[in-house]
Amino acid sequence: MKKHIFSVIIPAYNRKDFLKIAMDSVLSQTFRDYELIIIDDGSDDGTGKTIDERVRSAAEPPRRGRRTKDEGVNIKYIYQTHQGVSGARNTGVDAANGEFICFLDSDDRFRQNKLEITHQYIKKYPEYRIFHTEEIWYRSGEYLPQKGHHKKPAGWVFENAVKLCSIGLSTAAIHRTIFQEVGLFDKDFPACEDYDFWLRATPKFPVYLIPEYLTIKEGGRSDQLSRKYPAMDIFRIHALKKIIEGGTLSKEEHSIALIELIKKSEIYIKGAQKRSKFEEVKLYRKLIQELKKNHV
């Protein structure tokens, strides 16, 4: 089987209205040495039919000897019972044969030269195994400005990664060996699984920022995970606790993670108090006490 430079993985769950745009943004790439892997994570809204129609269209032979834009592109469609976004991405990684893994959320899209420009930087900076790009935010028909704390980091970015998920998966190209060294996405996280992944990857590997806007991110819809789980910090707290207790961080990284964990826990406690969730207040106060006792 031919090895590709890129494997582009699109996980999808009940996204029939958005998926075709994401797929077309991959299939229209100017760089052709890639495979496209779509993971249908147990959709029941007709997503599978949308995928099947698009895959069949891409596989049709060219008419009257003309080349088609999809010619030569390997497209894989994998259906699985619903496992969540981590399980879907992990299935895609296991099925991939590309040197670099790219993810694309089913409601995001690539600029047409995303893979071509990324490949140029990969060749220019072979010492890096993680690349990411600037991104454009799009909501309700309007492009949105980004705030200062969303500035994309470069180099050794663990300190950035503990504060928020500063590397969008839809912007990243990750060498396949990274997953062998730090593991796949944790299926225990129904959200913030990317935050957990970057906590494991960024202490070990530097990140190269490609200074171009090559991914367009869609936002503001009710079906997104950030709407389903409004208290996202609860998952970040558990990811930080996990990396601290894992014993893999340097002394400095450990201190950075611990300070952020206590900060996020205190913020969460204030929110729980306002919502009269007193058992959660008690639980996270106990967590802070244990952290200060055992890790400070």
Protein backbone atom coordinates (compact mmCIF):
# COMPACT_ATOMS: atom_id res chain seq x y z
CA MET A 1 0.00 0.00 0.00
CA LYS A 2 1.28 3.45 -0.92
CA LYS A 3 2.49 5.52 2.02
CA HIS A 4 1.25 9.09 2.01
CA ILE A 5 2.73 12.29 3.38
CA PHE A 6 -0.56 13.18 5.11
CA SER A 7 -3.52 11.32 6.52
CA VAL A 8 -6.46 13.69 7.02
CA ILE A 9 -8.97 12.37 9.56
CA ILE A 10 -12.52 13.73 9.81
CA PRO A 11 -14.57 12.35 12.72
CA ALA A 12 -18.31 12.85 12.26
CA TYR A 13 -21.36 12.25 14.41
CA ASN A 14 -24.72 13.44 13.05
CA ARG A 15 -23.15 16.12 10.86
CA LYS A 16 -24.79 15.53 7.47
CA ASP A 17 -25.41 19.27 6.98
CA PHE A 18 -21.74 20.25 7.41
CA LEU A 19 -19.66 17.27 6.41
CA LYS A 20 -19.69 17.79 2.65
CA ILE A 21 -18.07 21.22 3.06
CA ALA A 22 -15.30 19.75 5.22
CA MET A 23 -14.71 16.87 2.80
CA ASP A 24 -14.67 19.14 -0.24
CA SER A 25 -12.11 21.40 1.43
CA VAL A 26 -9.80 18.39 1.70
CA LEU A 27 -10.49 16.99 -1.75
CA SER A 28 -9.76 20.38 -3.35
CA GLN A 29 -6.24 20.60 -1.89
CA THR A 30 -3.47 21.68 -4.24
CA PHE A 31 -1.16 19.10 -2.64
CA ARG A 32 -2.24 15.59 -3.64
CA ASP A 33 -0.10 13.15 -1.61
CA TYR A 34 -2.63 12.41 1.11
CA GLU A 35 -5.40 10.06 2.12
CA LEU A 36 -8.77 11.13 3.51
CA ILE A 37 -10.25 9.06 6.34
CA ILE A 38 -13.83 9.73 7.46
CA ILE A 39 -14.92 8.11 10.72
CA ASP A 40 -18.70 7.90 11.06
CA ASP A 41 -19.12 7.59 14.82
CA GLY A 42 -22.52 5.89 14.83
CA SER A 43 -24.53 8.67 13.15
CA ASP A 44 -28.27 8.17 12.73
CA ASP A 45 -29.19 11.35 10.84
CA GLY A 46 -28.13 10.32 7.33
CA THR A 47 -24.48 11.32 7.73
CA GLY A 48 -23.43 7.95 6.34
CA LYS A 49 -25.45 8.51 3.16
CA THR A 50 -23.80 11.92 2.66
CA ILE A 51 -20.37 10.35 3.06
CA ASP A 52 -21.19 7.42 0.79
CA GLU A 53 -22.46 9.70 -1.98
CA ARG A 54 -19.37 11.91 -1.80
CA VAL A 55 -17.00 8.94 -1.73
CA ARG A 56 -18.73 7.34 -4.73
CA SER A 57 -18.54 10.64 -6.61
CA ALA A 58 -14.82 10.91 -5.91
CA ALA A 59 -14.26 7.31 -7.03
CA GLU A 60 -16.03 7.67 -10.40
CA PRO A 61 -13.68 7.33 -13.40
CA PRO A 62 -12.95 10.56 -15.31
CA ARG A 63 -15.24 11.28 -18.23
CA ARG A 64 -13.81 11.36 -21.78
CA GLY A 65 -10.31 10.88 -20.46
CA ARG A 66 -10.33 14.03 -18.34
CA ARG A 67 -8.64 14.02 -14.97
CA THR A 68 -10.76 14.79 -11.94
CA LYS A 69 -9.68 16.72 -8.86
CA ASP A 70 -10.19 13.58 -6.73
CA GLU A 71 -8.22 11.26 -8.99
CA GLY A 72 -5.48 9.40 -7.14
CA VAL A 73 -6.76 10.33 -3.68
CA ASN A 74 -7.33 7.39 -1.35
CA ILE A 75 -10.59 7.81 0.57
CA LYS A 76 -11.50 5.55 3.49
CA TYR A 77 -14.92 5.49 5.11
CA ILE A 78 -15.15 3.70 8.47
CA TYR A 79 -18.40 3.27 10.38
CA GLN A 80 -18.33 2.39 14.07
CA THR A 81 -20.77 2.33 16.96
CA HIS A 82 -20.81 5.62 18.83
CA GLN A 83 -17.65 6.01 20.92
CA GLY A 84 -17.29 9.77 21.18
CA VAL A 85 -14.82 12.09 19.52
CA SER A 86 -11.74 10.52 21.14
CA GLY A 87 -12.72 7.04 20.00
CA ALA A 88 -13.41 8.30 16.48
CA ARG A 89 -10.05 10.06 16.22
CA ASN A 90 -8.24 7.02 17.60
CA THR A 91 -9.88 4.79 14.98
CA GLY A 92 -8.67 7.21 12.32
CA VAL A 93 -5.09 7.19 13.65
CA ASP A 94 -5.07 3.39 13.73
CA ALA A 95 -6.24 3.28 10.10
CA ALA A 96 -3.83 5.96 8.85
CA ASN A 97 -0.66 5.29 6.87
CA GLY A 98 0.46 8.91 6.41
CA GLU A 99 3.70 10.24 7.85
CA PHE A 100 1.84 13.20 9.33
CA ILE A 101 -1.66 13.04 10.81
CA CYS A 102 -4.04 15.98 10.28
CA PHE A 103 -7.43 16.27 11.91
CA LEU A 104 -10.37 18.25 10.60
CA ASP A 105 -13.53 18.71 12.62
CA SER A 106 -16.58 18.04 10.48
CA ASP A 107 -17.77 21.65 10.78
CA ASP A 108 -14.38 23.21 9.95
CA ARG A 109 -12.59 23.48 6.63
CA PHE A 110 -9.10 23.82 5.16
CA ARG A 111 -7.91 26.58 2.88
CA GLN A 112 -7.08 25.13 -0.52
CA ASN A 113 -3.29 25.31 -0.02
CA LYS A 114 -3.27 24.09 3.59
CA LEU A 115 -1.43 20.82 2.92
CA GLU A 116 0.90 22.31 0.30
CA ILE A 117 2.16 25.06 2.61
CA THR A 118 2.38 22.70 5.57
CA HIS A 119 4.50 20.32 3.49
CA GLN A 120 6.84 23.16 2.57
CA TYR A 121 7.46 23.89 6.24
CA ILE A 122 7.88 20.21 7.08
CA LYS A 123 10.67 19.96 4.49
CA LYS A 124 12.25 23.22 5.69
CA TYR A 125 12.20 22.32 9.40
CA PRO A 126 12.67 18.53 9.61
CA GLU A 127 13.65 18.74 13.28
CA TYR A 128 10.00 19.46 14.19
CA ARG A 129 7.32 16.79 14.47
CA ILE A 130 4.37 19.03 15.39
CA PHE A 131 3.20 21.89 13.17
CA HIS A 132 0.15 24.11 13.44
CA THR A 133 -1.17 27.19 11.67
CA GLU A 134 -3.12 30.33 12.34
CA GLU A 135 -6.89 29.97 12.03
CA ILE A 136 -9.86 32.07 11.01
CA TRP A 137 -12.96 32.03 13.21
CA TYR A 138 -16.31 32.13 11.49
CA ARG A 139 -19.70 32.41 13.20
CA SER A 140 -23.20 33.14 11.87
CA GLY A 141 -21.88 34.41 8.56
CA GLU A 142 -19.24 36.72 10.07
CA TYR A 143 -15.49 36.46 10.58
CA LEU A 144 -14.48 37.07 14.19
CA PRO A 145 -11.38 38.77 15.60
CA GLN A 146 -9.31 36.78 18.07
CA LYS A 147 -8.33 38.08 21.50
CA GLY A 148 -4.77 38.42 22.73
CA HIS A 149 -4.85 35.30 24.91
CA HIS A 150 -5.72 33.24 21.82
CA LYS A 151 -2.37 34.10 20.21
CA LYS A 152 -0.86 30.93 18.78
CA PRO A 153 2.30 29.71 20.55
CA ALA A 154 5.52 28.34 19.11
CA GLY A 155 8.47 26.39 20.49
CA TRP A 156 8.19 24.78 23.90
CA VAL A 157 4.58 25.67 24.62
CA PHE A 158 3.59 23.62 27.69
CA GLU A 159 2.99 26.76 29.75
CA ASN A 160 0.55 27.96 27.08
CA ALA A 161 -1.09 24.55 26.85
CA VAL A 162 -2.02 24.41 30.55
CA LYS A 163 -3.93 27.69 30.38
CA LEU A 164 -6.18 26.82 27.45
CA CYS A 165 -6.18 24.60 24.39
CA SER A 166 -3.85 26.83 22.41
CA ILE A 167 -3.32 24.44 19.47
CA GLY A 168 -6.46 23.73 17.49
CA LEU A 169 -6.50 20.16 16.19
CA SER A 170 -7.94 21.31 12.87
CA THR A 171 -4.80 23.42 12.37
CA ALA A 172 -2.25 20.76 13.34
CA ALA A 173 -0.05 18.27 11.50
CA ILE A 174 1.35 15.69 13.90
CA HIS A 175 4.01 13.13 13.03
CA ARG A 176 2.64 9.63 13.52
CA THR A 177 5.46 8.75 15.97
CA ILE A 178 4.10 11.31 18.44
CA PHE A 179 1.11 9.06 19.12
CA GLN A 180 3.41 6.12 19.68
CA GLU A 181 5.34 8.09 22.29
CA VAL A 182 2.57 9.93 24.19
CA GLY A 183 -0.47 7.78 23.41
CA LEU A 184 -3.78 8.37 21.65
CA PHE A 185 -6.75 10.45 22.81
CA ASP A 186 -8.16 9.52 26.20
CA LYS A 187 -11.66 8.10 25.72
CA ASP A 188 -12.54 9.02 29.32
CA PHE A 189 -12.78 12.65 28.19
CA PRO A 190 -16.10 13.43 26.43
CA ALA A 191 -14.70 16.95 25.83
CA CYS A 192 -11.29 18.69 26.18
CA GLU A 193 -9.63 15.50 24.91
CA ASP A 194 -7.39 17.72 22.79
CA TYR A 195 -6.36 19.70 25.90
CA ASP A 196 -5.40 16.42 27.59
CA PHE A 197 -3.42 15.33 24.52
CA TRP A 198 -1.43 18.56 24.33
CA LEU A 199 -0.59 18.33 28.05
CA ARG A 200 1.13 15.04 27.25
CA ALA A 201 2.76 16.09 23.97
CA THR A 202 4.07 19.61 24.57
CA PRO A 203 6.46 18.78 27.44
CA LYS A 204 8.23 16.35 25.11
CA PHE A 205 8.15 18.07 21.72
CA PRO A 206 8.52 21.65 20.46
CA VAL A 207 5.85 23.06 18.15
CA TYR A 208 6.36 25.01 14.92
CA LEU A 209 3.81 27.72 14.12
CA ILE A 210 3.24 28.23 10.40
CA PRO A 211 2.42 31.96 10.21
CA GLU A 212 -0.46 31.65 7.75
CA TYR A 213 -4.23 31.36 8.18
CA LEU A 214 -4.94 27.93 6.70
CA THR A 215 -7.96 26.63 8.66
CA ILE A 216 -11.43 28.14 8.97
CA LYS A 217 -13.24 27.23 12.18
CA GLU A 218 -17.01 27.34 12.43
CA GLY A 219 -18.54 28.23 15.80
CA GLY A 220 -21.60 29.30 17.72
CA ARG A 221 -23.89 26.33 17.06
CA SER A 222 -25.93 24.45 19.66
CA ASP A 223 -24.57 21.01 18.66
CA GLN A 224 -20.96 21.78 19.53
CA LEU A 225 -19.31 20.15 22.55
CA SER A 226 -18.72 23.53 24.19
CA ARG A 227 -22.50 23.99 24.30
CA LYS A 228 -23.15 20.44 25.47
CA TYR A 229 -20.60 20.81 28.29
CA PRO A 230 -20.69 24.48 29.38
CA ALA A 231 -18.46 23.82 32.44
CA MET A 232 -15.49 22.73 30.33
CA ASP A 233 -12.99 23.48 33.09
CA ILE A 234 -14.06 20.33 34.94
CA PHE A 235 -12.38 18.27 32.18
CA ARG A 236 -9.29 20.49 32.16
CA ILE A 237 -9.01 20.07 35.93
CA HIS A 238 -9.01 16.29 35.58
CA ALA A 239 -6.52 16.44 32.71
CA LEU A 240 -4.16 18.54 34.83
CA LYS A 241 -4.57 16.21 37.80
CA LYS A 242 -3.79 13.27 35.53
CA ILE A 243 -0.59 14.77 34.10
CA ILE A 244 0.61 15.88 37.55
CA GLU A 245 0.06 12.45 39.08
CA GLY A 246 1.64 10.77 36.07
CA GLY A 247 5.09 11.82 37.22
CA THR A 248 6.38 12.67 33.74
CA LEU A 249 6.79 16.44 34.17
CA SER A 250 9.94 18.31 35.06
CA LYS A 251 10.01 20.21 38.34
CA GLU A 252 9.23 23.48 36.54
CA GLU A 253 6.43 21.95 34.46
CA HIS A 254 4.99 20.31 37.57
CA SER A 255 4.83 23.69 39.31
CA ILE A 256 3.19 25.35 36.29
CA ALA A 257 0.55 22.62 36.05
CA LEU A 258 -0.15 22.62 39.79
CA ILE A 259 -0.65 26.40 39.96
CA GLU A 260 -3.05 26.26 37.01
CA LEU A 261 -4.93 23.29 38.47
CA ILE A 262 -5.52 25.09 41.76
CA LYS A 263 -6.56 28.24 39.88
CA LYS A 264 -9.07 26.40 37.69
CA SER A 265 -10.42 24.50 40.71
CA GLU A 266 -10.99 27.72 42.64
CA ILE A 267 -12.83 29.24 39.68
CA TYR A 268 -14.95 26.11 39.38
CA ILE A 269 -15.79 26.24 43.09
CA LYS A 270 -17.08 29.80 42.74
CA GLY A 271 -19.34 28.73 39.89
CA ALA A 272 -20.59 25.71 41.82
CA GLN A 273 -21.43 27.94 44.78
CA LYS A 274 -23.55 30.19 42.57
CA ARG A 275 -25.40 27.14 41.25
CA SER A 276 -25.87 25.78 44.82
CA LYS A 277 -23.91 22.63 43.97
CA PHE A 278 -22.53 22.30 47.48
CA GLU A 279 -21.36 18.69 47.13
CA GLU A 280 -19.15 19.76 44.22
CA VAL A 281 -17.84 22.69 46.27
CA LYS A 282 -16.89 20.25 49.01
CA LEU A 283 -15.31 17.81 46.53
CA TYR A 284 -13.09 20.39 44.83
CA ARG A 285 -12.08 22.07 48.06
CA LYS A 286 -10.89 18.67 49.22
CA LEU A 287 -9.02 18.24 45.93
CA ILE A 288 -7.19 21.54 46.44
CA GLN A 289 -6.23 20.57 50.00
CA GLU A 290 -4.85 17.22 48.82
CA LEU A 291 -2.92 18.85 45.98
CA LYS A 292 -1.31 21.38 48.29
CA LYS A 293 -0.47 18.67 50.80
CA ASN A 294 0.96 16.14 48.36
CA HIS A 295 2.46 18.21 45.56
CA VAL A 296 3.54 21.61 46.90
